[in-house]
Amino acid sequence: MSVNDGVAMNERVFLALYDDQWCIELDGVTHVLSEEIPSLDWVLANLPASEVMDRLLAARGALLTPQPATCRAPVGKQEVWASGVTYKRSEEARERESQNSTIYTRVYHAERPELFFKAFGPEVVSSGEAAGIRFDATWSVPEPELVVVFNKCMEVIGFTVGNDLSSRDIEGENPLYLPQAKVYERACVLGPRIWLQPGAEQWPEVDIRIVISRAGETVFSGETATSQIKRSLAELGSYLGRCRRFPAGVFLFSGTGIVPPDAFSLAVGDEVRITIDAIGELINPIMIVGTP
């Protein structure tokens, strides 16, 4: 009999990093993983999707103590990549910021998706830590997204919550500036845990919500759903792994369907709260990064 008999694929089984200990969470109970499963890096490099749930459940060790422990970003040596213009709302907003250049409309309808590098695993910000906006940007926004976790064979292992912070004025000035608008210190937030869905072939049907608070008052809130993603899960994974290997696995942001009004920009001290009920919340204060 399999050790995961009775654990349905849609149940809430999570992989999480508390302090320096990888843990599995099931039915609200958190177990430290035994030495048999030393890290997420090992899981994504060694286990096919079909074996992940059995092996992790079999490796349940002692209960996590002491509690509460600090929940870290659930990432190791993986690269983090991102998808662009996968929601209609994003395509419309990008066209405005680029003064109707049409390149975003073209990529929205193109066969090949927009994919770009976002961060290395050790650079990722955890929930509770400060996320960053560039000192030389005037129009900074969060981008709340569902994030896919792939193993080295580009099989889906699970999903987490992400914030792909972006400098819209920099990208809007010239789309070739996208790396500067997207890839900078504290611009990539992941967590709080990985919802294990090994072998998933479709987007989970979840809502993604964001609330931004300033001085205790809500200054923006929004909601979208994964049902609005134009690209399929298989499509994005196929293009990402087509001509590049990820021996430690890879994380992929799926794109954002929530875009604040054009007059809105993040400010120092804002609190950004992103929620996907099936996974949890990312909560981050905002700070300035870089120096003139």
C-alpha atoms as a PDB file:
ATOM      1  CA  MET A   1       0.000   0.000   0.000  1.00  0.00           C
ATOM      2  CA  SER A   2       1.264   3.479  -0.855  1.00  0.00           C
ATOM      3  CA  VAL A   3       2.027   5.776   2.074  1.00  0.00           C
ATOM      4  CA  ASN A   4      -0.120   8.469   0.480  1.00  0.00           C
ATOM      5  CA  ASP A   5      -3.260   6.354   0.193  1.00  0.00           C
ATOM      6  CA  GLY A   6      -6.065   8.639   1.320  1.00  0.00           C
ATOM      7  CA  VAL A   7      -4.152  11.811   0.409  1.00  0.00           C
ATOM      8  CA  ALA A   8      -6.018  13.276  -2.561  1.00  0.00           C
ATOM      9  CA  MET A   9      -4.191  15.425  -5.098  1.00  0.00           C
ATOM     10  CA  ASN A  10      -6.265  18.454  -4.136  1.00  0.00           C
ATOM     11  CA  GLU A  11      -5.533  18.192  -0.400  1.00  0.00           C
ATOM     12  CA  ARG A  12      -3.365  20.739   1.341  1.00  0.00           C
ATOM     13  CA  VAL A  13       0.047  19.093   1.546  1.00  0.00           C
ATOM     14  CA  PHE A  14       2.921  21.559   1.640  1.00  0.00           C
ATOM     15  CA  LEU A  15       6.694  21.685   1.544  1.00  0.00           C
ATOM     16  CA  ALA A  16       8.063  24.521   3.662  1.00  0.00           C
ATOM     17  CA  LEU A  17      11.361  25.841   4.991  1.00  0.00           C
ATOM     18  CA  TYR A  18      11.401  26.801   8.666  1.00  0.00           C
ATOM     19  CA  ASP A  19      14.703  28.346   9.706  1.00  0.00           C
ATOM     20  CA  ASP A  20      17.096  25.848   8.079  1.00  0.00           C
ATOM     21  CA  GLN A  21      14.800  22.814   8.253  1.00  0.00           C
ATOM     22  CA  TRP A  22      12.758  21.504   5.321  1.00  0.00           C
ATOM     23  CA  CYS A  23       9.362  20.334   6.528  1.00  0.00           C
ATOM     24  CA  ILE A  24       6.180  18.743   5.239  1.00  0.00           C
ATOM     25  CA  GLU A  25       2.822  20.092   6.393  1.00  0.00           C
ATOM     26  CA  LEU A  26      -0.286  17.921   6.341  1.00  0.00           C
ATOM     27  CA  ASP A  27      -3.615  18.583   8.068  1.00  0.00           C
ATOM     28  CA  GLY A  28      -2.097  21.520   9.932  1.00  0.00           C
ATOM     29  CA  VAL A  29       0.707  19.401  11.400  1.00  0.00           C
ATOM     30  CA  THR A  30       4.321  20.195  10.517  1.00  0.00           C
ATOM     31  CA  HIS A  31       6.968  17.461  10.452  1.00  0.00           C
ATOM     32  CA  VAL A  32      10.681  17.967   9.873  1.00  0.00           C
ATOM     33  CA  LEU A  33      11.840  15.840   6.952  1.00  0.00           C
ATOM     34  CA  SER A  34      14.336  13.107   7.741  1.00  0.00           C
ATOM     35  CA  GLU A  35      17.859  13.010   6.304  1.00  0.00           C
ATOM     36  CA  GLU A  36      16.491  10.889   3.458  1.00  0.00           C
ATOM     37  CA  ILE A  37      15.093  14.141   1.989  1.00  0.00           C
ATOM     38  CA  PRO A  38      17.815  16.721   2.726  1.00  0.00           C
ATOM     39  CA  SER A  39      16.482  19.674   0.728  1.00  0.00           C
ATOM     40  CA  LEU A  40      14.266  20.987  -2.039  1.00  0.00           C
ATOM     41  CA  ASP A  41      17.332  20.910  -4.293  1.00  0.00           C
ATOM     42  CA  TRP A  42      17.545  17.150  -3.772  1.00  0.00           C
ATOM     43  CA  VAL A  43      13.828  16.630  -4.411  1.00  0.00           C
ATOM     44  CA  LEU A  44      13.810  18.557  -7.686  1.00  0.00           C
ATOM     45  CA  ALA A  45      17.051  16.985  -8.911  1.00  0.00           C
ATOM     46  CA  ASN A  46      16.276  13.375  -8.021  1.00  0.00           C
ATOM     47  CA  LEU A  47      12.563  12.599  -7.813  1.00  0.00           C
ATOM     48  CA  PRO A  48      10.134  12.162 -10.704  1.00  0.00           C
ATOM     49  CA  ALA A  49       6.755  13.741 -10.043  1.00  0.00           C
ATOM     50  CA  SER A  50       5.182  10.303  -9.629  1.00  0.00           C
ATOM     51  CA  GLU A  51       7.359   9.585  -6.570  1.00  0.00           C
ATOM     52  CA  VAL A  52       7.348  12.939  -4.812  1.00  0.00           C
ATOM     53  CA  MET A  53       4.325  12.525  -2.561  1.00  0.00           C
ATOM     54  CA  ASP A  54       5.189   8.992  -1.442  1.00  0.00           C
ATOM     55  CA  ARG A  55       8.803   9.847  -0.692  1.00  0.00           C
ATOM     56  CA  LEU A  56       8.014  13.031   1.213  1.00  0.00           C
ATOM     57  CA  LEU A  57       5.276  11.463   3.301  1.00  0.00           C
ATOM     58  CA  ALA A  58       7.523   8.505   4.107  1.00  0.00           C
ATOM     59  CA  ALA A  59      10.246  10.911   5.252  1.00  0.00           C
ATOM     60  CA  ARG A  60       8.122  12.583   7.919  1.00  0.00           C
ATOM     61  CA  GLY A  61      10.201  12.919  11.051  1.00  0.00           C
ATOM     62  CA  ALA A  62       9.741  14.661  14.381  1.00  0.00           C
ATOM     63  CA  LEU A  63       7.262  17.462  14.863  1.00  0.00           C
ATOM     64  CA  LEU A  64       8.724  20.895  14.229  1.00  0.00           C
ATOM     65  CA  THR A  65       9.936  22.474  17.478  1.00  0.00           C
ATOM     66  CA  PRO A  66      10.145  25.071  18.784  1.00  0.00           C
ATOM     67  CA  GLN A  67       7.119  26.775  17.326  1.00  0.00           C
ATOM     68  CA  PRO A  68       6.707  29.319  15.955  1.00  0.00           C
ATOM     69  CA  ALA A  69       9.791  28.969  13.785  1.00  0.00           C
ATOM     70  CA  THR A  70      10.650  31.493  11.081  1.00  0.00           C
ATOM     71  CA  CYS A  71       9.183  30.594   7.696  1.00  0.00           C
ATOM     72  CA  ARG A  72      11.743  31.213   4.937  1.00  0.00           C
ATOM     73  CA  ALA A  73      11.263  31.475   1.186  1.00  0.00           C
ATOM     74  CA  PRO A  74      10.787  27.860  -0.016  1.00  0.00           C
ATOM     75  CA  VAL A  75      13.594  27.939  -2.562  1.00  0.00           C
ATOM     76  CA  GLY A  76      17.134  26.611  -2.828  1.00  0.00           C
ATOM     77  CA  LYS A  77      19.619  26.846  -5.685  1.00  0.00           C
ATOM     78  CA  GLN A  78      16.917  27.174  -8.329  1.00  0.00           C
ATOM     79  CA  GLU A  79      16.724  29.967 -10.862  1.00  0.00           C
ATOM     80  CA  VAL A  80      13.480  31.927 -10.830  1.00  0.00           C
ATOM     81  CA  TRP A  81      11.985  32.876 -14.206  1.00  0.00           C
ATOM     82  CA  ALA A  82       8.851  34.788 -15.119  1.00  0.00           C
ATOM     83  CA  SER A  83       6.178  34.873 -17.810  1.00  0.00           C
ATOM     84  CA  GLY A  84       4.978  38.142 -19.289  1.00  0.00           C
ATOM     85  CA  VAL A  85       1.676  39.251 -20.794  1.00  0.00           C
ATOM     86  CA  THR A  86      -0.286  36.095 -20.013  1.00  0.00           C
ATOM     87  CA  TYR A  87      -3.438  37.985 -18.925  1.00  0.00           C
ATOM     88  CA  LYS A  88      -5.438  40.394 -21.105  1.00  0.00           C
ATOM     89  CA  ARG A  89      -5.335  42.982 -18.305  1.00  0.00           C
ATOM     90  CA  SER A  90      -1.538  42.933 -18.400  1.00  0.00           C
ATOM     91  CA  GLU A  91      -1.420  43.280 -22.184  1.00  0.00           C
ATOM     92  CA  GLU A  92      -3.646  46.368 -22.052  1.00  0.00           C
ATOM     93  CA  ALA A  93      -1.621  48.004 -19.280  1.00  0.00           C
ATOM     94  CA  ARG A  94       1.713  47.340 -20.986  1.00  0.00           C
ATOM     95  CA  GLU A  95       0.447  48.860 -24.219  1.00  0.00           C
ATOM     96  CA  ARG A  96      -0.462  52.067 -22.374  1.00  0.00           C
ATOM     97  CA  GLU A  97       2.866  52.323 -20.569  1.00  0.00           C
ATOM     98  CA  SER A  98       4.777  51.790 -23.838  1.00  0.00           C
ATOM     99  CA  GLN A  99       2.646  54.418 -25.635  1.00  0.00           C
ATOM    100  CA  ASN A 100       0.911  51.824 -27.803  1.00  0.00           C
ATOM    101  CA  SER A 101       4.018  50.241 -29.301  1.00  0.00           C
ATOM    102  CA  THR A 102       1.946  47.076 -30.137  1.00  0.00           C
ATOM    103  CA  ILE A 103       4.746  44.722 -29.056  1.00  0.00           C
ATOM    104  CA  TYR A 104       2.768  43.563 -26.020  1.00  0.00           C
ATOM    105  CA  THR A 105      -0.342  42.914 -28.080  1.00  0.00           C
ATOM    106  CA  ARG A 106       1.745  40.922 -30.530  1.00  0.00           C
ATOM    107  CA  VAL A 107       3.346  38.768 -27.836  1.00  0.00           C
ATOM    108  CA  TYR A 108      -0.029  38.201 -26.152  1.00  0.00           C
ATOM    109  CA  HIS A 109      -1.296  36.608 -29.371  1.00  0.00           C
ATOM    110  CA  ALA A 110       1.994  35.042 -30.510  1.00  0.00           C
ATOM    111  CA  GLU A 111       2.749  31.336 -30.443  1.00  0.00           C
ATOM    112  CA  ARG A 112       5.925  31.921 -28.395  1.00  0.00           C
ATOM    113  CA  PRO A 113       5.384  33.329 -24.871  1.00  0.00           C
ATOM    114  CA  GLU A 114       7.468  36.015 -23.215  1.00  0.00           C
ATOM    115  CA  LEU A 115       9.809  34.427 -20.657  1.00  0.00           C
ATOM    116  CA  PHE A 116      12.569  36.187 -18.750  1.00  0.00           C
ATOM    117  CA  PHE A 117      15.002  35.563 -15.915  1.00  0.00           C
ATOM    118  CA  LYS A 118      13.983  37.068 -12.568  1.00  0.00           C
ATOM    119  CA  ALA A 119      16.348  35.988  -9.756  1.00  0.00           C
ATOM    120  CA  PHE A 120      18.626  33.343  -8.312  1.00  0.00           C
ATOM    121  CA  GLY A 121      17.236  31.349  -5.387  1.00  0.00           C
ATOM    122  CA  PRO A 122      19.468  32.879  -2.683  1.00  0.00           C
ATOM    123  CA  GLU A 123      18.281  36.366  -3.717  1.00  0.00           C
ATOM    124  CA  VAL A 124      14.594  35.633  -3.097  1.00  0.00           C
ATOM    125  CA  VAL A 125      12.788  37.592  -0.379  1.00  0.00           C
ATOM    126  CA  SER A 126      10.615  35.754   2.168  1.00  0.00           C
ATOM    127  CA  SER A 127       7.239  36.767   3.530  1.00  0.00           C
ATOM    128  CA  GLY A 128       7.839  39.201   6.380  1.00  0.00           C
ATOM    129  CA  GLU A 129      11.033  40.603   4.897  1.00  0.00           C
ATOM    130  CA  ALA A 130      11.254  43.939   3.097  1.00  0.00           C
ATOM    131  CA  ALA A 131      10.657  43.928  -0.653  1.00  0.00           C
ATOM    132  CA  GLY A 132      12.313  46.592  -2.773  1.00  0.00           C
ATOM    133  CA  ILE A 133      11.588  49.382  -5.224  1.00  0.00           C
ATOM    134  CA  ARG A 134      14.373  51.050  -7.215  1.00  0.00           C
ATOM    135  CA  PHE A 135      15.601  54.475  -6.073  1.00  0.00           C
ATOM    136  CA  ASP A 136      15.700  55.624  -9.717  1.00  0.00           C
ATOM    137  CA  ALA A 137      12.157  54.508 -10.585  1.00  0.00           C
ATOM    138  CA  THR A 138       9.103  56.748 -10.343  1.00  0.00           C
ATOM    139  CA  TRP A 139       6.406  54.152 -11.064  1.00  0.00           C
ATOM    140  CA  SER A 140       6.827  50.930  -9.081  1.00  0.00           C
ATOM    141  CA  VAL A 141       4.196  48.228  -8.717  1.00  0.00           C
ATOM    142  CA  PRO A 142       3.794  44.754  -7.248  1.00  0.00           C
ATOM    143  CA  GLU A 143       2.713  41.920  -9.517  1.00  0.00           C
ATOM    144  CA  PRO A 144       0.908  39.164  -7.569  1.00  0.00           C
ATOM    145  CA  GLU A 145       1.198  35.794  -9.259  1.00  0.00           C
ATOM    146  CA  LEU A 146       0.861  32.048  -8.957  1.00  0.00           C
ATOM    147  CA  VAL A 147       4.331  30.499  -9.283  1.00  0.00           C
ATOM    148  CA  VAL A 148       5.013  27.014 -10.650  1.00  0.00           C
ATOM    149  CA  VAL A 149       7.736  24.733  -9.272  1.00  0.00           C
ATOM    150  CA  PHE A 150       9.253  22.354 -11.843  1.00  0.00           C
ATOM    151  CA  ASN A 151      11.739  19.539 -11.263  1.00  0.00           C
ATOM    152  CA  LYS A 152      14.761  19.009 -13.503  1.00  0.00           C
ATOM    153  CA  CYS A 153      12.601  17.075 -15.993  1.00  0.00           C
ATOM    154  CA  MET A 154      10.209  20.049 -16.236  1.00  0.00           C
ATOM    155  CA  GLU A 155       7.458  18.132 -14.444  1.00  0.00           C
ATOM    156  CA  VAL A 156       5.234  20.189 -12.168  1.00  0.00           C
ATOM    157  CA  ILE A 157       5.899  19.536  -8.487  1.00  0.00           C
ATOM    158  CA  GLY A 158       3.758  22.267  -6.967  1.00  0.00           C
ATOM    159  CA  PHE A 159       2.828  25.925  -6.699  1.00  0.00           C
ATOM    160  CA  THR A 160       3.607  28.878  -4.474  1.00  0.00           C
ATOM    161  CA  VAL A 161       2.749  32.593  -4.207  1.00  0.00           C
ATOM    162  CA  GLY A 162       4.954  35.248  -5.784  1.00  0.00           C
ATOM    163  CA  ASN A 163       5.414  38.995  -6.107  1.00  0.00           C
ATOM    164  CA  ASP A 164       7.256  40.095  -9.265  1.00  0.00           C
ATOM    165  CA  LEU A 165       8.037  43.714  -8.386  1.00  0.00           C
ATOM    166  CA  SER A 166       8.446  45.932 -11.417  1.00  0.00           C
ATOM    167  CA  SER A 167       9.454  49.472 -12.413  1.00  0.00           C
ATOM    168  CA  ARG A 168       6.822  50.356 -15.004  1.00  0.00           C
ATOM    169  CA  ASP A 169       8.333  53.702 -15.954  1.00  0.00           C
ATOM    170  CA  ILE A 170      11.666  52.076 -16.829  1.00  0.00           C
ATOM    171  CA  GLU A 171      10.145  49.314 -18.964  1.00  0.00           C
ATOM    172  CA  GLY A 172       7.678  51.782 -20.470  1.00  0.00           C
ATOM    173  CA  GLU A 173      10.454  54.101 -21.623  1.00  0.00           C
ATOM    174  CA  ASN A 174      11.935  51.275 -23.697  1.00  0.00           C
ATOM    175  CA  PRO A 175      10.959  47.576 -23.530  1.00  0.00           C
ATOM    176  CA  LEU A 176      14.659  46.706 -23.895  1.00  0.00           C
ATOM    177  CA  TYR A 177      15.056  48.050 -20.360  1.00  0.00           C
ATOM    178  CA  LEU A 178      12.963  45.151 -18.999  1.00  0.00           C
ATOM    179  CA  PRO A 179      15.932  43.507 -17.195  1.00  0.00           C
ATOM    180  CA  GLN A 180      16.539  46.744 -15.282  1.00  0.00           C
ATOM    181  CA  ALA A 181      12.826  47.108 -14.527  1.00  0.00           C
ATOM    182  CA  LYS A 182      12.506  43.534 -13.287  1.00  0.00           C
ATOM    183  CA  VAL A 183      15.862  42.238 -12.038  1.00  0.00           C
ATOM    184  CA  TYR A 184      17.186  44.124  -9.035  1.00  0.00           C
ATOM    185  CA  GLU A 185      17.719  43.600  -5.319  1.00  0.00           C
ATOM    186  CA  ARG A 186      14.627  42.512  -3.329  1.00  0.00           C
ATOM    187  CA  ALA A 187      12.428  42.441  -6.443  1.00  0.00           C
ATOM    188  CA  CYS A 188      11.478  38.749  -6.191  1.00  0.00           C
ATOM    189  CA  VAL A 189       9.295  37.479  -3.346  1.00  0.00           C
ATOM    190  CA  LEU A 190       8.167  33.861  -2.895  1.00  0.00           C
ATOM    191  CA  GLY A 191       6.341  31.910  -0.206  1.00  0.00           C
ATOM    192  CA  PRO A 192       5.191  31.076   2.268  1.00  0.00           C
ATOM    193  CA  ARG A 193       5.214  27.396   1.231  1.00  0.00           C
ATOM    194  CA  ILE A 194       4.949  25.077  -1.775  1.00  0.00           C
ATOM    195  CA  TRP A 195       1.552  23.485  -2.355  1.00  0.00           C
ATOM    196  CA  LEU A 196       2.466  20.004  -3.543  1.00  0.00           C
ATOM    197  CA  GLN A 197       0.633  19.043  -6.730  1.00  0.00           C
ATOM    198  CA  PRO A 198       3.135  16.695  -8.414  1.00  0.00           C
ATOM    199  CA  GLY A 199       2.320  15.903 -12.019  1.00  0.00           C
ATOM    200  CA  ALA A 200      -0.317  18.640 -12.374  1.00  0.00           C
ATOM    201  CA  GLU A 201      -1.191  19.336 -16.005  1.00  0.00           C
ATOM    202  CA  GLN A 202      -3.683  22.193 -15.582  1.00  0.00           C
ATOM    203  CA  TRP A 203      -3.660  25.445 -13.661  1.00  0.00           C
ATOM    204  CA  PRO A 204      -5.282  25.003 -10.244  1.00  0.00           C
ATOM    205  CA  GLU A 205      -8.507  26.983 -10.039  1.00  0.00           C
ATOM    206  CA  VAL A 206      -7.565  29.623  -7.495  1.00  0.00           C
ATOM    207  CA  ASP A 207      -8.161  33.311  -6.899  1.00  0.00           C
ATOM    208  CA  ILE A 208      -5.233  35.689  -6.400  1.00  0.00           C
ATOM    209  CA  ARG A 209      -5.831  38.758  -4.218  1.00  0.00           C
ATOM    210  CA  ILE A 210      -3.745  41.760  -3.240  1.00  0.00           C
ATOM    211  CA  VAL A 211      -4.195  44.509  -0.649  1.00  0.00           C
ATOM    212  CA  ILE A 212      -1.739  47.411  -0.382  1.00  0.00           C
ATOM    213  CA  SER A 213      -1.838  49.452   2.826  1.00  0.00           C
ATOM    214  CA  ARG A 214      -0.275  52.845   3.517  1.00  0.00           C
ATOM    215  CA  ALA A 215      -0.271  54.327   7.014  1.00  0.00           C
ATOM    216  CA  GLY A 216      -2.926  51.807   8.017  1.00  0.00           C
ATOM    217  CA  GLU A 217      -5.275  52.606   5.133  1.00  0.00           C
ATOM    218  CA  THR A 218      -5.968  50.474   2.056  1.00  0.00           C
ATOM    219  CA  VAL A 219      -4.739  52.344  -1.031  1.00  0.00           C
ATOM    220  CA  PHE A 220      -5.283  49.540  -3.541  1.00  0.00           C
ATOM    221  CA  SER A 221      -6.906  46.128  -3.669  1.00  0.00           C
ATOM    222  CA  GLY A 222      -7.508  43.777  -6.554  1.00  0.00           C
ATOM    223  CA  GLU A 223      -8.359  40.210  -7.461  1.00  0.00           C
ATOM    224  CA  THR A 224      -7.957  37.880 -10.409  1.00  0.00           C
ATOM    225  CA  ALA A 225      -8.214  34.157 -11.093  1.00  0.00           C
ATOM    226  CA  THR A 226      -6.038  31.592 -12.819  1.00  0.00           C
ATOM    227  CA  SER A 227      -8.941  30.900 -15.172  1.00  0.00           C
ATOM    228  CA  GLN A 228      -7.918  34.160 -16.905  1.00  0.00           C
ATOM    229  CA  ILE A 229      -4.406  32.962 -17.851  1.00  0.00           C
ATOM    230  CA  LYS A 230      -4.153  32.752 -21.641  1.00  0.00           C
ATOM    231  CA  ARG A 231      -1.210  30.322 -21.770  1.00  0.00           C
ATOM    232  CA  SER A 232      -1.474  26.708 -20.655  1.00  0.00           C
ATOM    233  CA  LEU A 233       0.750  25.269 -17.951  1.00  0.00           C
ATOM    234  CA  ALA A 234       2.248  22.796 -20.427  1.00  0.00           C
ATOM    235  CA  GLU A 235       2.917  25.566 -22.948  1.00  0.00           C
ATOM    236  CA  LEU A 236       4.943  27.712 -20.563  1.00  0.00           C
ATOM    237  CA  GLY A 237       6.874  24.749 -19.195  1.00  0.00           C
ATOM    238  CA  SER A 238       7.668  23.492 -22.681  1.00  0.00           C
ATOM    239  CA  TYR A 239       9.094  26.803 -23.868  1.00  0.00           C
ATOM    240  CA  LEU A 240      11.051  27.391 -20.659  1.00  0.00           C
ATOM    241  CA  GLY A 241      12.754  23.987 -20.846  1.00  0.00           C
ATOM    242  CA  ARG A 242      13.035  23.804 -24.627  1.00  0.00           C
ATOM    243  CA  CYS A 243      16.696  24.760 -25.043  1.00  0.00           C
ATOM    244  CA  ARG A 244      17.882  25.107 -21.441  1.00  0.00           C
ATOM    245  CA  ARG A 245      18.366  22.578 -18.659  1.00  0.00           C
ATOM    246  CA  PHE A 246      17.612  23.273 -14.999  1.00  0.00           C
ATOM    247  CA  PRO A 247      19.461  20.552 -13.061  1.00  0.00           C
ATOM    248  CA  ALA A 248      18.195  21.858  -9.711  1.00  0.00           C
ATOM    249  CA  GLY A 249      14.675  22.531 -10.994  1.00  0.00           C
ATOM    250  CA  VAL A 250      13.206  25.964 -11.634  1.00  0.00           C
ATOM    251  CA  PHE A 251      10.480  28.350 -10.440  1.00  0.00           C
ATOM    252  CA  LEU A 252       8.279  30.138 -12.992  1.00  0.00           C
ATOM    253  CA  PHE A 253       5.994  33.117 -12.332  1.00  0.00           C
ATOM    254  CA  SER A 254       2.823  32.649 -14.394  1.00  0.00           C
ATOM    255  CA  GLY A 255       2.110  36.333 -15.088  1.00  0.00           C
ATOM    256  CA  THR A 256      -0.097  38.909 -13.421  1.00  0.00           C
ATOM    257  CA  GLY A 257      -3.735  39.757 -13.985  1.00  0.00           C
ATOM    258  CA  ILE A 258      -3.838  42.560 -11.403  1.00  0.00           C
ATOM    259  CA  VAL A 259      -2.567  45.996 -12.438  1.00  0.00           C
ATOM    260  CA  PRO A 260      -3.026  49.051 -10.168  1.00  0.00           C
ATOM    261  CA  PRO A 261      -4.249  52.318 -11.745  1.00  0.00           C
ATOM    262  CA  ASP A 262      -1.646  54.198 -13.748  1.00  0.00           C
ATOM    263  CA  ALA A 263      -1.517  56.938 -11.101  1.00  0.00           C
ATOM    264  CA  PHE A 264      -0.493  54.469  -8.388  1.00  0.00           C
ATOM    265  CA  SER A 265       3.093  53.772  -7.322  1.00  0.00           C
ATOM    266  CA  LEU A 266       4.457  51.920  -4.319  1.00  0.00           C
ATOM    267  CA  ALA A 267       6.047  54.021  -1.576  1.00  0.00           C
ATOM    268  CA  VAL A 268       8.450  53.293   1.255  1.00  0.00           C
ATOM    269  CA  GLY A 269       6.582  51.816   4.210  1.00  0.00           C
ATOM    270  CA  ASP A 270       3.691  50.396   2.187  1.00  0.00           C
ATOM    271  CA  GLU A 271       2.587  46.893   3.162  1.00  0.00           C
ATOM    272  CA  VAL A 272       1.824  44.499   0.314  1.00  0.00           C
ATOM    273  CA  ARG A 273      -0.331  41.490   1.168  1.00  0.00           C
ATOM    274  CA  ILE A 274      -0.861  38.829  -1.528  1.00  0.00           C
ATOM    275  CA  THR A 275      -3.169  35.900  -0.849  1.00  0.00           C
ATOM    276  CA  ILE A 276      -3.928  32.615  -2.558  1.00  0.00           C
ATOM    277  CA  ASP A 277      -6.192  30.789  -0.129  1.00  0.00           C
ATOM    278  CA  ALA A 278      -4.965  27.316  -1.091  1.00  0.00           C
ATOM    279  CA  ILE A 279      -1.364  28.279  -0.273  1.00  0.00           C
ATOM    280  CA  GLY A 280      -1.202  31.227   2.101  1.00  0.00           C
ATOM    281  CA  GLU A 281      -0.138  34.870   2.282  1.00  0.00           C
ATOM    282  CA  LEU A 282       2.891  36.927   1.350  1.00  0.00           C
ATOM    283  CA  ILE A 283       3.200  40.033   3.534  1.00  0.00           C
ATOM    284  CA  ASN A 284       6.031  42.468   2.845  1.00  0.00           C
ATOM    285  CA  PRO A 285       6.863  46.066   3.751  1.00  0.00           C
ATOM    286  CA  ILE A 286       8.429  48.169   1.007  1.00  0.00           C
ATOM    287  CA  MET A 287      11.895  49.736   1.087  1.00  0.00           C
ATOM    288  CA  ILE A 288      14.086  51.642  -1.370  1.00  0.00           C
ATOM    289  CA  VAL A 289      17.042  49.745  -2.861  1.00  0.00           C
ATOM    290  CA  GLY A 290      20.151  51.142  -4.515  1.00  0.00           C
ATOM    291  CA  THR A 291      21.947  54.458  -4.138  1.00  0.00           C
ATOM    292  CA  PRO A 292      22.356  57.415  -6.497  1.00  0.00           C
END
